[in-house]
PDB file of N, CA and C in Angstrom:
ATOM      1  N   MET A   1     -24.124 -34.018 -56.213  1.00  0.00           N
ATOM      2  CA  MET A   1     -24.837 -34.303 -57.439  1.00  0.00           C
ATOM      3  C   MET A   1     -24.092 -33.654 -58.599  1.00  0.00           C
ATOM      4  N   ALA A   2     -23.966 -34.376 -59.676  1.00  0.00           N
ATOM      5  CA  ALA A   2     -23.232 -33.899 -60.837  1.00  0.00           C
ATOM      6  C   ALA A   2     -24.129 -33.041 -61.719  1.00  0.00           C
ATOM      7  N   ALA A   3     -23.582 -31.923 -62.197  1.00  0.00           N
ATOM      8  CA  ALA A   3     -24.307 -31.104 -63.168  1.00  0.00           C
ATOM      9  C   ALA A   3     -24.164 -31.763 -64.526  1.00  0.00           C
ATOM     10  N   GLY A   4     -25.168 -31.658 -65.342  1.00  0.00           N
ATOM     11  CA  GLY A   4     -25.070 -32.272 -66.650  1.00  0.00           C
ATOM     12  C   GLY A   4     -26.302 -32.012 -67.477  1.00  0.00           C
ATOM     13  N   GLY A   5     -26.327 -32.668 -68.603  1.00  0.00           N
ATOM     14  CA  GLY A   5     -27.450 -32.529 -69.502  1.00  0.00           C
ATOM     15  C   GLY A   5     -27.302 -33.495 -70.664  1.00  0.00           C
ATOM     16  N   PHE A   6     -28.234 -33.422 -71.586  1.00  0.00           N
ATOM     17  CA  PHE A   6     -28.217 -34.325 -72.729  1.00  0.00           C
ATOM     18  C   PHE A   6     -28.742 -33.599 -73.949  1.00  0.00           C
ATOM     19  N   CYS A   7     -28.502 -34.211 -75.095  1.00  0.00           N
ATOM     20  CA  CYS A   7     -29.003 -33.692 -76.355  1.00  0.00           C
ATOM     21  C   CYS A   7     -29.417 -34.883 -77.213  1.00  0.00           C
ATOM     22  N   LYS A   8     -30.651 -34.876 -77.673  1.00  0.00           N
ATOM     23  CA  LYS A   8     -31.130 -35.950 -78.541  1.00  0.00           C
ATOM     24  C   LYS A   8     -30.784 -35.594 -79.975  1.00  0.00           C
ATOM     25  N   LEU A   9     -30.170 -36.530 -80.681  1.00  0.00           N
ATOM     26  CA  LEU A   9     -29.737 -36.319 -82.057  1.00  0.00           C
ATOM     27  C   LEU A   9     -30.850 -36.727 -83.035  1.00  0.00           C
ATOM     28  N   PRO A  10     -30.785 -36.274 -84.282  1.00  0.00           N
ATOM     29  CA  PRO A  10     -31.829 -36.602 -85.256  1.00  0.00           C
ATOM     30  C   PRO A  10     -32.001 -38.102 -85.503  1.00  0.00           C
ATOM     31  N   ASN A  11     -30.946 -38.901 -85.321  1.00  0.00           N
ATOM     32  CA  ASN A  11     -31.057 -40.343 -85.562  1.00  0.00           C
ATOM     33  C   ASN A  11     -31.619 -41.096 -84.362  1.00  0.00           C
ATOM     34  N   GLY A  12     -31.987 -40.386 -83.283  1.00  0.00           N
ATOM     35  CA  GLY A  12     -32.597 -41.015 -82.121  1.00  0.00           C
ATOM     36  C   GLY A  12     -31.637 -41.291 -80.978  1.00  0.00           C
ATOM     37  N   THR A  13     -30.328 -41.226 -81.201  1.00  0.00           N
ATOM     38  CA  THR A  13     -29.366 -41.440 -80.131  1.00  0.00           C
ATOM     39  C   THR A  13     -29.219 -40.162 -79.307  1.00  0.00           C
ATOM     40  N   VAL A  14     -28.538 -40.273 -78.178  1.00  0.00           N
ATOM     41  CA  VAL A  14     -28.334 -39.114 -77.309  1.00  0.00           C
ATOM     42  C   VAL A  14     -26.857 -38.961 -76.964  1.00  0.00           C
ATOM     43  N   VAL A  15     -26.489 -37.738 -76.660  1.00  0.00           N
ATOM     44  CA  VAL A  15     -25.177 -37.443 -76.097  1.00  0.00           C
ATOM     45  C   VAL A  15     -25.439 -36.871 -74.711  1.00  0.00           C
ATOM     46  N   VAL A  16     -24.847 -37.512 -73.700  1.00  0.00           N
ATOM     47  CA  VAL A  16     -24.998 -37.089 -72.317  1.00  0.00           C
ATOM     48  C   VAL A  16     -23.686 -36.470 -71.865  1.00  0.00           C
ATOM     49  N   ALA A  17     -23.768 -35.318 -71.233  1.00  0.00           N
ATOM     50  CA  ALA A  17     -22.597 -34.629 -70.693  1.00  0.00           C
ATOM     51  C   ALA A  17     -22.778 -34.483 -69.183  1.00  0.00           C
ATOM     52  N   LEU A  18     -21.739 -34.848 -68.426  1.00  0.00           N
ATOM     53  CA  LEU A  18     -21.797 -34.745 -66.969  1.00  0.00           C
ATOM     54  C   LEU A  18     -20.530 -34.090 -66.449  1.00  0.00           C
ATOM     55  N   ASN A  19     -20.681 -33.172 -65.497  1.00  0.00           N
ATOM     56  CA  ASN A  19     -19.545 -32.618 -64.764  1.00  0.00           C
ATOM     57  C   ASN A  19     -19.462 -33.395 -63.461  1.00  0.00           C
ATOM     58  N   LEU A  20     -18.396 -34.155 -63.303  1.00  0.00           N
ATOM     59  CA  LEU A  20     -18.228 -34.971 -62.108  1.00  0.00           C
ATOM     60  C   LEU A  20     -17.225 -34.311 -61.175  1.00  0.00           C
ATOM     61  N   PRO A  21     -17.531 -34.272 -59.872  1.00  0.00           N
ATOM     62  CA  PRO A  21     -16.659 -33.578 -58.939  1.00  0.00           C
ATOM     63  C   PRO A  21     -15.287 -34.211 -58.795  1.00  0.00           C
ATOM     64  N   ARG A  22     -15.185 -35.500 -58.790  1.00  0.00           N
ATOM     65  CA  ARG A  22     -13.881 -36.162 -58.728  1.00  0.00           C
ATOM     66  C   ARG A  22     -14.012 -37.566 -59.295  1.00  0.00           C
ATOM     67  N   PRO A  23     -13.063 -37.980 -60.113  1.00  0.00           N
ATOM     68  CA  PRO A  23     -13.133 -39.313 -60.705  1.00  0.00           C
ATOM     69  C   PRO A  23     -12.807 -40.395 -59.683  1.00  0.00           C
ATOM     70  N   PRO A  24     -13.224 -41.649 -59.937  1.00  0.00           N
ATOM     71  CA  PRO A  24     -13.003 -42.726 -58.982  1.00  0.00           C
ATOM     72  C   PRO A  24     -11.524 -43.062 -58.792  1.00  0.00           C
ATOM     73  N   ALA A  25     -10.684 -42.832 -59.789  1.00  0.00           N
ATOM     74  CA  ALA A  25      -9.268 -43.186 -59.690  1.00  0.00           C
ATOM     75  C   ALA A  25      -8.450 -42.090 -59.014  1.00  0.00           C
ATOM     76  N   GLY A  26      -9.078 -40.983 -58.618  1.00  0.00           N
ATOM     77  CA  GLY A  26      -8.379 -39.927 -57.925  1.00  0.00           C
ATOM     78  C   GLY A  26      -7.537 -39.048 -58.835  1.00  0.00           C
ATOM     79  N   GLY A  27      -7.973 -38.819 -60.035  1.00  0.00           N
ATOM     80  CA  GLY A  27      -7.244 -37.999 -61.006  1.00  0.00           C
ATOM     81  C   GLY A  27      -7.439 -36.516 -60.752  1.00  0.00           C
ATOM     82  N   PRO A  28      -7.655 -35.738 -61.796  1.00  0.00           N
ATOM     83  CA  PRO A  28      -7.827 -34.287 -61.641  1.00  0.00           C
ATOM     84  C   PRO A  28      -9.080 -33.948 -60.838  1.00  0.00           C
ATOM     85  N   GLY A  29      -9.161 -32.719 -60.385  1.00  0.00           N
ATOM     86  CA  GLY A  29     -10.246 -32.275 -59.506  1.00  0.00           C
ATOM     87  C   GLY A  29     -11.630 -32.548 -60.035  1.00  0.00           C
ATOM     88  N   SER A  30     -12.044 -31.908 -61.099  1.00  0.00           N
ATOM     89  CA  SER A  30     -13.373 -32.146 -61.646  1.00  0.00           C
ATOM     90  C   SER A  30     -13.247 -32.338 -63.154  1.00  0.00           C
ATOM     91  N   VAL A  31     -14.076 -33.210 -63.682  1.00  0.00           N
ATOM     92  CA  VAL A  31     -13.980 -33.571 -65.097  1.00  0.00           C
ATOM     93  C   VAL A  31     -15.336 -33.445 -65.777  1.00  0.00           C
ATOM     94  N   ARG A  32     -15.316 -33.252 -67.076  1.00  0.00           N
ATOM     95  CA  ARG A  32     -16.527 -33.253 -67.912  1.00  0.00           C
ATOM     96  C   ARG A  32     -16.459 -34.515 -68.761  1.00  0.00           C
ATOM     97  N   VAL A  33     -17.454 -35.358 -68.623  1.00  0.00           N
ATOM     98  CA  VAL A  33     -17.511 -36.640 -69.319  1.00  0.00           C
ATOM     99  C   VAL A  33     -18.638 -36.587 -70.345  1.00  0.00           C
ATOM    100  N   LEU A  34     -18.348 -37.063 -71.562  1.00  0.00           N
ATOM    101  CA  LEU A  34     -19.357 -37.141 -72.625  1.00  0.00           C
ATOM    102  C   LEU A  34     -19.563 -38.595 -73.014  1.00  0.00           C
ATOM    103  N   VAL A  35     -20.823 -38.985 -73.159  1.00  0.00           N
ATOM    104  CA  VAL A  35     -21.168 -40.355 -73.527  1.00  0.00           C
ATOM    105  C   VAL A  35     -22.168 -40.325 -74.667  1.00  0.00           C
ATOM    106  N   HIS A  36     -21.901 -41.120 -75.706  1.00  0.00           N
ATOM    107  CA  HIS A  36     -22.835 -41.279 -76.819  1.00  0.00           C
ATOM    108  C   HIS A  36     -23.467 -42.656 -76.677  1.00  0.00           C
ATOM    109  N   ALA A  37     -24.792 -42.713 -76.648  1.00  0.00           N
ATOM    110  CA  ALA A  37     -25.488 -43.987 -76.475  1.00  0.00           C
ATOM    111  C   ALA A  37     -26.860 -43.931 -77.133  1.00  0.00           C
ATOM    112  N   ARG A  38     -27.543 -45.055 -77.116  1.00  0.00           N
ATOM    113  CA  ARG A  38     -28.865 -45.156 -77.735  1.00  0.00           C
ATOM    114  C   ARG A  38     -29.903 -44.322 -76.987  1.00  0.00           C
ATOM    115  N   ASN A  39     -29.799 -44.288 -75.649  1.00  0.00           N
ATOM    116  CA  ASN A  39     -30.704 -43.464 -74.848  1.00  0.00           C
ATOM    117  C   ASN A  39     -29.987 -43.057 -73.557  1.00  0.00           C
ATOM    118  N   ARG A  40     -30.638 -42.213 -72.754  1.00  0.00           N
ATOM    119  CA  ARG A  40     -29.993 -41.705 -71.534  1.00  0.00           C
ATOM    120  C   ARG A  40     -29.684 -42.821 -70.547  1.00  0.00           C
ATOM    121  N   ALA A  41     -30.592 -43.764 -70.405  1.00  0.00           N
ATOM    122  CA  ALA A  41     -30.371 -44.858 -69.461  1.00  0.00           C
ATOM    123  C   ALA A  41     -29.135 -45.671 -69.835  1.00  0.00           C
ATOM    124  N   ARG A  42     -28.965 -45.953 -71.118  1.00  0.00           N
ATOM    125  CA  ARG A  42     -27.785 -46.709 -71.553  1.00  0.00           C
ATOM    126  C   ARG A  42     -26.499 -45.918 -71.362  1.00  0.00           C
ATOM    127  N   ALA A  43     -26.565 -44.616 -71.548  1.00  0.00           N
ATOM    128  CA  ALA A  43     -25.381 -43.777 -71.340  1.00  0.00           C
ATOM    129  C   ALA A  43     -24.943 -43.838 -69.879  1.00  0.00           C
ATOM    130  N   LEU A  44     -25.894 -43.717 -68.966  1.00  0.00           N
ATOM    131  CA  LEU A  44     -25.552 -43.783 -67.553  1.00  0.00           C
ATOM    132  C   LEU A  44     -25.092 -45.183 -67.152  1.00  0.00           C
ATOM    133  N   THR A  45     -25.665 -46.211 -67.768  1.00  0.00           N
ATOM    134  CA  THR A  45     -25.231 -47.577 -67.500  1.00  0.00           C
ATOM    135  C   THR A  45     -23.789 -47.786 -67.931  1.00  0.00           C
ATOM    136  N   ARG A  46     -23.403 -47.197 -69.066  1.00  0.00           N
ATOM    137  CA  ARG A  46     -22.006 -47.307 -69.513  1.00  0.00           C
ATOM    138  C   ARG A  46     -21.058 -46.732 -68.467  1.00  0.00           C
ATOM    139  N   LEU A  47     -21.414 -45.607 -67.877  1.00  0.00           N
ATOM    140  CA  LEU A  47     -20.574 -45.004 -66.846  1.00  0.00           C
ATOM    141  C   LEU A  47     -20.568 -45.848 -65.567  1.00  0.00           C
ATOM    142  N   ARG A  48     -21.722 -46.360 -65.183  1.00  0.00           N
ATOM    143  CA  ARG A  48     -21.785 -47.180 -63.976  1.00  0.00           C
ATOM    144  C   ARG A  48     -20.992 -48.461 -64.129  1.00  0.00           C
ATOM    145  N   ASN A  49     -20.974 -49.021 -65.319  1.00  0.00           N
ATOM    146  CA  ASN A  49     -20.190 -50.232 -65.560  1.00  0.00           C
ATOM    147  C   ASN A  49     -18.692 -49.974 -65.479  1.00  0.00           C
ATOM    148  N   LEU A  50     -18.287 -48.728 -65.601  1.00  0.00           N
ATOM    149  CA  LEU A  50     -16.868 -48.372 -65.479  1.00  0.00           C
ATOM    150  C   LEU A  50     -16.476 -48.038 -64.042  1.00  0.00           C
ATOM    151  N   GLY A  51     -17.399 -48.157 -63.110  1.00  0.00           N
ATOM    152  CA  GLY A  51     -17.100 -47.921 -61.710  1.00  0.00           C
ATOM    153  C   GLY A  51     -17.647 -46.619 -61.163  1.00  0.00           C
ATOM    154  N   MET A  52     -18.312 -45.837 -61.972  1.00  0.00           N
ATOM    155  CA  MET A  52     -18.894 -44.575 -61.505  1.00  0.00           C
ATOM    156  C   MET A  52     -20.329 -44.860 -61.070  1.00  0.00           C
ATOM    157  N   ARG A  53     -20.463 -45.481 -59.915  1.00  0.00           N
ATOM    158  CA  ARG A  53     -21.755 -46.007 -59.462  1.00  0.00           C
ATOM    159  C   ARG A  53     -22.776 -44.939 -59.116  1.00  0.00           C
ATOM    160  N   ALA A  54     -22.367 -43.830 -58.601  1.00  0.00           N
ATOM    161  CA  ALA A  54     -23.307 -42.815 -58.114  1.00  0.00           C
ATOM    162  C   ALA A  54     -23.553 -41.714 -59.133  1.00  0.00           C
ATOM    163  N   VAL A  55     -23.612 -42.065 -60.406  1.00  0.00           N
ATOM    164  CA  VAL A  55     -23.816 -41.077 -61.463  1.00  0.00           C
ATOM    165  C   VAL A  55     -25.294 -41.044 -61.828  1.00  0.00           C
ATOM    166  N   TYR A  56     -25.894 -39.849 -61.682  1.00  0.00           N
ATOM    167  CA  TYR A  56     -27.292 -39.650 -62.035  1.00  0.00           C
ATOM    168  C   TYR A  56     -27.414 -38.387 -62.880  1.00  0.00           C
ATOM    169  N   LEU A  57     -28.426 -38.336 -63.704  1.00  0.00           N
ATOM    170  CA  LEU A  57     -28.690 -37.159 -64.511  1.00  0.00           C
ATOM    171  C   LEU A  57     -30.061 -36.634 -64.133  1.00  0.00           C
ATOM    172  N   ARG A  58     -30.045 -35.497 -63.460  1.00  0.00           N
ATOM    173  CA  ARG A  58     -31.311 -34.867 -63.055  1.00  0.00           C
ATOM    174  C   ARG A  58     -31.379 -33.505 -63.716  1.00  0.00           C
ATOM    175  N   GLY A  59     -32.264 -33.377 -64.652  1.00  0.00           N
ATOM    176  CA  GLY A  59     -32.419 -32.103 -65.344  1.00  0.00           C
ATOM    177  C   GLY A  59     -31.506 -31.994 -66.554  1.00  0.00           C
ATOM    178  N   ASN A  60     -31.506 -30.805 -67.124  1.00  0.00           N
ATOM    179  CA  ASN A  60     -30.730 -30.553 -68.332  1.00  0.00           C
ATOM    180  C   ASN A  60     -30.040 -29.192 -68.201  1.00  0.00           C
ATOM    181  N   ALA A  61     -29.384 -28.981 -67.059  1.00  0.00           N
ATOM    182  CA  ALA A  61     -28.782 -27.687 -66.750  1.00  0.00           C
ATOM    183  C   ALA A  61     -27.541 -27.389 -67.583  1.00  0.00           C
ATOM    184  N   ALA A  62     -26.776 -28.411 -67.939  1.00  0.00           N
ATOM    185  CA  ALA A  62     -25.529 -28.204 -68.682  1.00  0.00           C
ATOM    186  C   ALA A  62     -25.453 -29.177 -69.858  1.00  0.00           C
ATOM    187  N   PRO A  63     -26.285 -28.970 -70.887  1.00  0.00           N
ATOM    188  CA  PRO A  63     -26.261 -29.890 -72.033  1.00  0.00           C
ATOM    189  C   PRO A  63     -24.955 -29.754 -72.811  1.00  0.00           C
ATOM    190  N   PRO A  64     -24.621 -30.756 -73.612  1.00  0.00           N
ATOM    191  CA  PRO A  64     -23.383 -30.678 -74.403  1.00  0.00           C
ATOM    192  C   PRO A  64     -23.488 -29.602 -75.482  1.00  0.00           C
ATOM    193  N   SER A  65     -22.369 -28.932 -75.720  1.00  0.00           N
ATOM    194  CA  SER A  65     -22.314 -27.911 -76.769  1.00  0.00           C
ATOM    195  C   SER A  65     -22.166 -28.608 -78.123  1.00  0.00           C
ATOM    196  N   PRO A  66     -22.394 -27.919 -79.223  1.00  0.00           N
ATOM    197  CA  PRO A  66     -22.203 -28.536 -80.547  1.00  0.00           C
ATOM    198  C   PRO A  66     -20.779 -29.057 -80.747  1.00  0.00           C
ATOM    199  N   ASP A  67     -19.774 -28.357 -80.221  1.00  0.00           N
ATOM    200  CA  ASP A  67     -18.399 -28.844 -80.338  1.00  0.00           C
ATOM    201  C   ASP A  67     -18.192 -30.136 -79.555  1.00  0.00           C
ATOM    202  N   GLU A  68     -18.818 -30.239 -78.395  1.00  0.00           N
ATOM    203  CA  GLU A  68     -18.697 -31.456 -77.599  1.00  0.00           C
ATOM    204  C   GLU A  68     -19.394 -32.625 -78.287  1.00  0.00           C
ATOM    205  N   ILE A  69     -20.538 -32.367 -78.880  1.00  0.00           N
ATOM    206  CA  ILE A  69     -21.255 -33.428 -79.604  1.00  0.00           C
ATOM    207  C   ILE A  69     -20.405 -33.941 -80.754  1.00  0.00           C
ATOM    208  N   THR A  70     -19.800 -33.034 -81.502  1.00  0.00           N
ATOM    209  CA  THR A  70     -18.924 -33.439 -82.614  1.00  0.00           C
ATOM    210  C   THR A  70     -17.757 -34.274 -82.106  1.00  0.00           C
ATOM    211  N   ALA A  71     -17.160 -33.870 -81.000  1.00  0.00           N
ATOM    212  CA  ALA A  71     -16.011 -34.594 -80.457  1.00  0.00           C
ATOM    213  C   ALA A  71     -16.379 -36.023 -80.079  1.00  0.00           C
ATOM    214  N   VAL A  72     -17.483 -36.212 -79.376  1.00  0.00           N
ATOM    215  CA  VAL A  72     -17.843 -37.555 -78.941  1.00  0.00           C
ATOM    216  C   VAL A  72     -18.315 -38.421 -80.117  1.00  0.00           C
ATOM    217  N   LEU A  73     -18.950 -37.831 -81.120  1.00  0.00           N
ATOM    218  CA  LEU A  73     -19.392 -38.612 -82.275  1.00  0.00           C
ATOM    219  C   LEU A  73     -18.214 -39.096 -83.114  1.00  0.00           C
ATOM    220  N   HIS A  74     -17.116 -38.360 -83.105  1.00  0.00           N
ATOM    221  CA  HIS A  74     -15.954 -38.749 -83.895  1.00  0.00           C
ATOM    222  C   HIS A  74     -14.975 -39.638 -83.142  1.00  0.00           C
ATOM    223  N   HIS A  75     -15.257 -39.931 -81.881  1.00  0.00           N
ATOM    224  CA  HIS A  75     -14.391 -40.829 -81.122  1.00  0.00           C
ATOM    225  C   HIS A  75     -14.913 -42.252 -81.247  1.00  0.00           C
ATOM    226  N   PRO A  76     -14.024 -43.232 -81.499  1.00  0.00           N
ATOM    227  CA  PRO A  76     -14.502 -44.600 -81.720  1.00  0.00           C
ATOM    228  C   PRO A  76     -15.228 -45.217 -80.526  1.00  0.00           C
ATOM    229  N   ASP A  77     -14.853 -44.857 -79.305  1.00  0.00           N
ATOM    230  CA  ASP A  77     -15.514 -45.432 -78.127  1.00  0.00           C
ATOM    231  C   ASP A  77     -16.812 -44.713 -77.774  1.00  0.00           C
ATOM    232  N   GLY A  78     -16.944 -43.450 -78.169  1.00  0.00           N
ATOM    233  CA  GLY A  78     -18.123 -42.679 -77.816  1.00  0.00           C
ATOM    234  C   GLY A  78     -18.176 -42.333 -76.340  1.00  0.00           C
ATOM    235  N   LEU A  79     -17.011 -42.297 -75.690  1.00  0.00           N
ATOM    236  CA  LEU A  79     -16.931 -42.015 -74.261  1.00  0.00           C
ATOM    237  C   LEU A  79     -15.615 -41.288 -74.002  1.00  0.00           C
ATOM    238  N   ILE A  80     -15.693 -39.976 -73.749  1.00  0.00           N
ATOM    239  CA  ILE A  80     -14.486 -39.160 -73.612  1.00  0.00           C
ATOM    240  C   ILE A  80     -14.602 -38.220 -72.411  1.00  0.00           C
ATOM    241  N   TRP A  81     -13.479 -37.601 -72.023  1.00  0.00           N
ATOM    242  CA  TRP A  81     -13.455 -36.686 -70.883  1.00  0.00           C
ATOM    243  C   TRP A  81     -12.350 -35.658 -71.044  1.00  0.00           C
ATOM    244  N   ARG A  82     -12.440 -34.588 -70.267  1.00  0.00           N
ATOM    245  CA  ARG A  82     -11.377 -33.609 -70.076  1.00  0.00           C
ATOM    246  C   ARG A  82     -11.675 -32.854 -68.787  1.00  0.00           C
ATOM    247  N   THR A  83     -10.700 -32.140 -68.275  1.00  0.00           N
ATOM    248  CA  THR A  83     -10.932 -31.421 -67.024  1.00  0.00           C
ATOM    249  C   THR A  83     -11.979 -30.338 -67.259  1.00  0.00           C
ATOM    250  N   ALA A  84     -12.815 -30.143 -66.263  1.00  0.00           N
ATOM    251  CA  ALA A  84     -13.882 -29.149 -66.357  1.00  0.00           C
ATOM    252  C   ALA A  84     -13.345 -27.808 -65.871  1.00  0.00           C
ATOM    253  N   PRO A  85     -13.821 -26.712 -66.455  1.00  0.00           N
ATOM    254  CA  PRO A  85     -13.406 -25.403 -65.945  1.00  0.00           C
ATOM    255  C   PRO A  85     -13.859 -25.235 -64.503  1.00  0.00           C
ATOM    256  N   ASP A  86     -13.001 -24.673 -63.688  1.00  0.00           N
ATOM    257  CA  ASP A  86     -13.291 -24.547 -62.262  1.00  0.00           C
ATOM    258  C   ASP A  86     -13.730 -23.124 -61.930  1.00  0.00           C
ATOM    259  N   ASN A  87     -14.760 -22.660 -62.663  1.00  0.00           N
ATOM    260  CA  ASN A  87     -15.226 -21.292 -62.436  1.00  0.00           C
ATOM    261  C   ASN A  87     -16.624 -21.237 -61.832  1.00  0.00           C
ATOM    262  N   GLY A  88     -17.182 -22.376 -61.460  1.00  0.00           N
ATOM    263  CA  GLY A  88     -18.499 -22.396 -60.843  1.00  0.00           C
ATOM    264  C   GLY A  88     -19.653 -22.277 -61.820  1.00  0.00           C
ATOM    265  N   VAL A  89     -19.382 -22.145 -63.095  1.00  0.00           N
ATOM    266  CA  VAL A  89     -20.423 -22.020 -64.114  1.00  0.00           C
ATOM    267  C   VAL A  89     -20.663 -23.395 -64.715  1.00  0.00           C
ATOM    268  N   THR A  90     -21.922 -23.796 -64.841  1.00  0.00           N
ATOM    269  CA  THR A  90     -22.230 -25.114 -65.382  1.00  0.00           C
ATOM    270  C   THR A  90     -22.203 -25.138 -66.895  1.00  0.00           C
ATOM    271  N   ALA A  91     -22.347 -24.003 -67.534  1.00  0.00           N
ATOM    272  CA  ALA A  91     -22.334 -23.968 -68.999  1.00  0.00           C
ATOM    273  C   ALA A  91     -20.901 -24.148 -69.498  1.00  0.00           C
ATOM    274  N   PRO A  92     -20.711 -24.956 -70.552  1.00  0.00           N
ATOM    275  CA  PRO A  92     -19.368 -25.158 -71.060  1.00  0.00           C
ATOM    276  C   PRO A  92     -18.808 -23.881 -71.669  1.00  0.00           C
ATOM    277  N   GLU A  93     -17.508 -23.716 -71.542  1.00  0.00           N
ATOM    278  CA  GLU A  93     -16.831 -22.573 -72.136  1.00  0.00           C
ATOM    279  C   GLU A  93     -15.693 -23.095 -72.999  1.00  0.00           C
ATOM    280  N   PRO A  94     -15.175 -22.286 -73.897  1.00  0.00           N
ATOM    281  CA  PRO A  94     -14.083 -22.755 -74.752  1.00  0.00           C
ATOM    282  C   PRO A  94     -12.871 -23.167 -73.925  1.00  0.00           C
ATOM    283  N   VAL A  95     -12.399 -24.379 -74.156  1.00  0.00           N
ATOM    284  CA  VAL A  95     -11.243 -24.916 -73.454  1.00  0.00           C
ATOM    285  C   VAL A  95     -10.259 -25.399 -74.505  1.00  0.00           C
ATOM    286  N   THR A  96      -8.985 -25.140 -74.283  1.00  0.00           N
ATOM    287  CA  THR A  96      -7.985 -25.561 -75.270  1.00  0.00           C
ATOM    288  C   THR A  96      -7.506 -26.981 -75.032  1.00  0.00           C
ATOM    289  N   GLU A  97      -7.898 -27.596 -73.936  1.00  0.00           N
ATOM    290  CA  GLU A  97      -7.477 -28.960 -73.633  1.00  0.00           C
ATOM    291  C   GLU A  97      -8.161 -29.949 -74.578  1.00  0.00           C
ATOM    292  N   LEU A  98      -7.428 -30.973 -74.966  1.00  0.00           N
ATOM    293  CA  LEU A  98      -7.973 -31.994 -75.856  1.00  0.00           C
ATOM    294  C   LEU A  98      -8.806 -33.000 -75.075  1.00  0.00           C
ATOM    295  N   TRP A  99      -9.749 -33.615 -75.779  1.00  0.00           N
ATOM    296  CA  TRP A  99     -10.550 -34.680 -75.195  1.00  0.00           C
ATOM    297  C   TRP A  99      -9.695 -35.933 -75.118  1.00  0.00           C
ATOM    298  N   ARG A 100      -9.927 -36.734 -74.088  1.00  0.00           N
ATOM    299  CA  ARG A 100      -9.151 -37.957 -73.870  1.00  0.00           C
ATOM    300  C   ARG A 100     -10.109 -39.144 -73.768  1.00  0.00           C
ATOM    301  N   PRO A 101      -9.631 -40.339 -74.130  1.00  0.00           N
ATOM    302  CA  PRO A 101     -10.479 -41.526 -73.953  1.00  0.00           C
ATOM    303  C   PRO A 101     -10.665 -41.816 -72.471  1.00  0.00           C
ATOM    304  N   ILE A 102     -11.767 -42.449 -72.122  1.00  0.00           N
ATOM    305  CA  ILE A 102     -12.104 -42.704 -70.727  1.00  0.00           C
ATOM    306  C   ILE A 102     -11.076 -43.611 -70.066  1.00  0.00           C
ATOM    307  N   ARG A 103     -10.390 -44.448 -70.837  1.00  0.00           N
ATOM    308  CA  ARG A 103      -9.373 -45.333 -70.263  1.00  0.00           C
ATOM    309  C   ARG A 103      -8.273 -44.537 -69.565  1.00  0.00           C
ATOM    310  N   ALA A 104      -7.957 -43.347 -70.093  1.00  0.00           N
ATOM    311  CA  ALA A 104      -6.918 -42.520 -69.476  1.00  0.00           C
ATOM    312  C   ALA A 104      -7.344 -42.011 -68.107  1.00  0.00           C
ATOM    313  N   LEU A 105      -8.632 -41.827 -67.878  1.00  0.00           N
ATOM    314  CA  LEU A 105      -9.132 -41.363 -66.590  1.00  0.00           C
ATOM    315  C   LEU A 105      -9.165 -42.490 -65.575  1.00  0.00           C
ATOM    316  N   LEU A 106      -9.528 -43.669 -66.022  1.00  0.00           N
ATOM    317  CA  LEU A 106      -9.719 -44.793 -65.111  1.00  0.00           C
ATOM    318  C   LEU A 106      -8.448 -45.597 -64.881  1.00  0.00           C
ATOM    319  N   ARG A 107      -7.401 -45.289 -65.599  1.00  0.00           N
ATOM    320  CA  ARG A 107      -6.154 -46.038 -65.472  1.00  0.00           C
ATOM    321  C   ARG A 107      -5.586 -45.875 -64.069  1.00  0.00           C
ATOM    322  N   GLN A 108      -5.318 -46.994 -63.431  1.00  0.00           N
ATOM    323  CA  GLN A 108      -4.734 -46.975 -62.101  1.00  0.00           C
ATOM    324  C   GLN A 108      -3.229 -46.776 -62.202  1.00  0.00           C
ATOM    325  N   PRO A 109      -2.629 -45.999 -61.301  1.00  0.00           N
ATOM    326  CA  PRO A 109      -1.177 -45.844 -61.329  1.00  0.00           C
ATOM    327  C   PRO A 109      -0.491 -47.178 -61.060  1.00  0.00           C
ATOM    328  N   ALA A 110       0.628 -47.389 -61.737  1.00  0.00           N
ATOM    329  CA  ALA A 110       1.369 -48.652 -61.579  1.00  0.00           C
ATOM    330  C   ALA A 110       1.953 -48.731 -60.173  1.00  0.00           C
ATOM    331  N   THR A 111       1.794 -49.889 -59.549  1.00  0.00           N
ATOM    332  CA  THR A 111       2.344 -50.067 -58.214  1.00  0.00           C
ATOM    333  C   THR A 111       3.774 -50.566 -58.331  1.00  0.00           C
ATOM    334  N   GLN A 112       4.620 -50.024 -57.510  1.00  0.00           N
ATOM    335  CA  GLN A 112       6.010 -50.451 -57.530  1.00  0.00           C
ATOM    336  C   GLN A 112       6.218 -51.431 -56.393  1.00  0.00           C
ATOM    337  N   GLY A 113       6.858 -52.510 -56.725  1.00  0.00           N
ATOM    338  CA  GLY A 113       7.004 -53.529 -55.707  1.00  0.00           C
ATOM    339  C   GLY A 113       8.276 -54.140 -55.759  1.00  0.00           C
TER     340      GLY A 113
END
């Protein structure tokens, strides 16, 4: 089960943050994904439509930080990720890594033939 949480914004939209143990494309070990959507159900649907079928949000153990909310609101897709700290703590900590668009996570390696 993925740790995560959400934050409802003043305009009624939500930002959902999830720590996923491993991405479907077999990229880095664990990632933190942020989604901006109209409500929590739509945010999870956006992830499921990208192939992350077993993504659920139970509870609000690791809500997005103010810096994470700013990052996802300023991204045109409203769907970003970066590697999650591997310290066993669900609360976000300062990370120097930049946020990346979700396409970079889901991109399949080119097959050589």
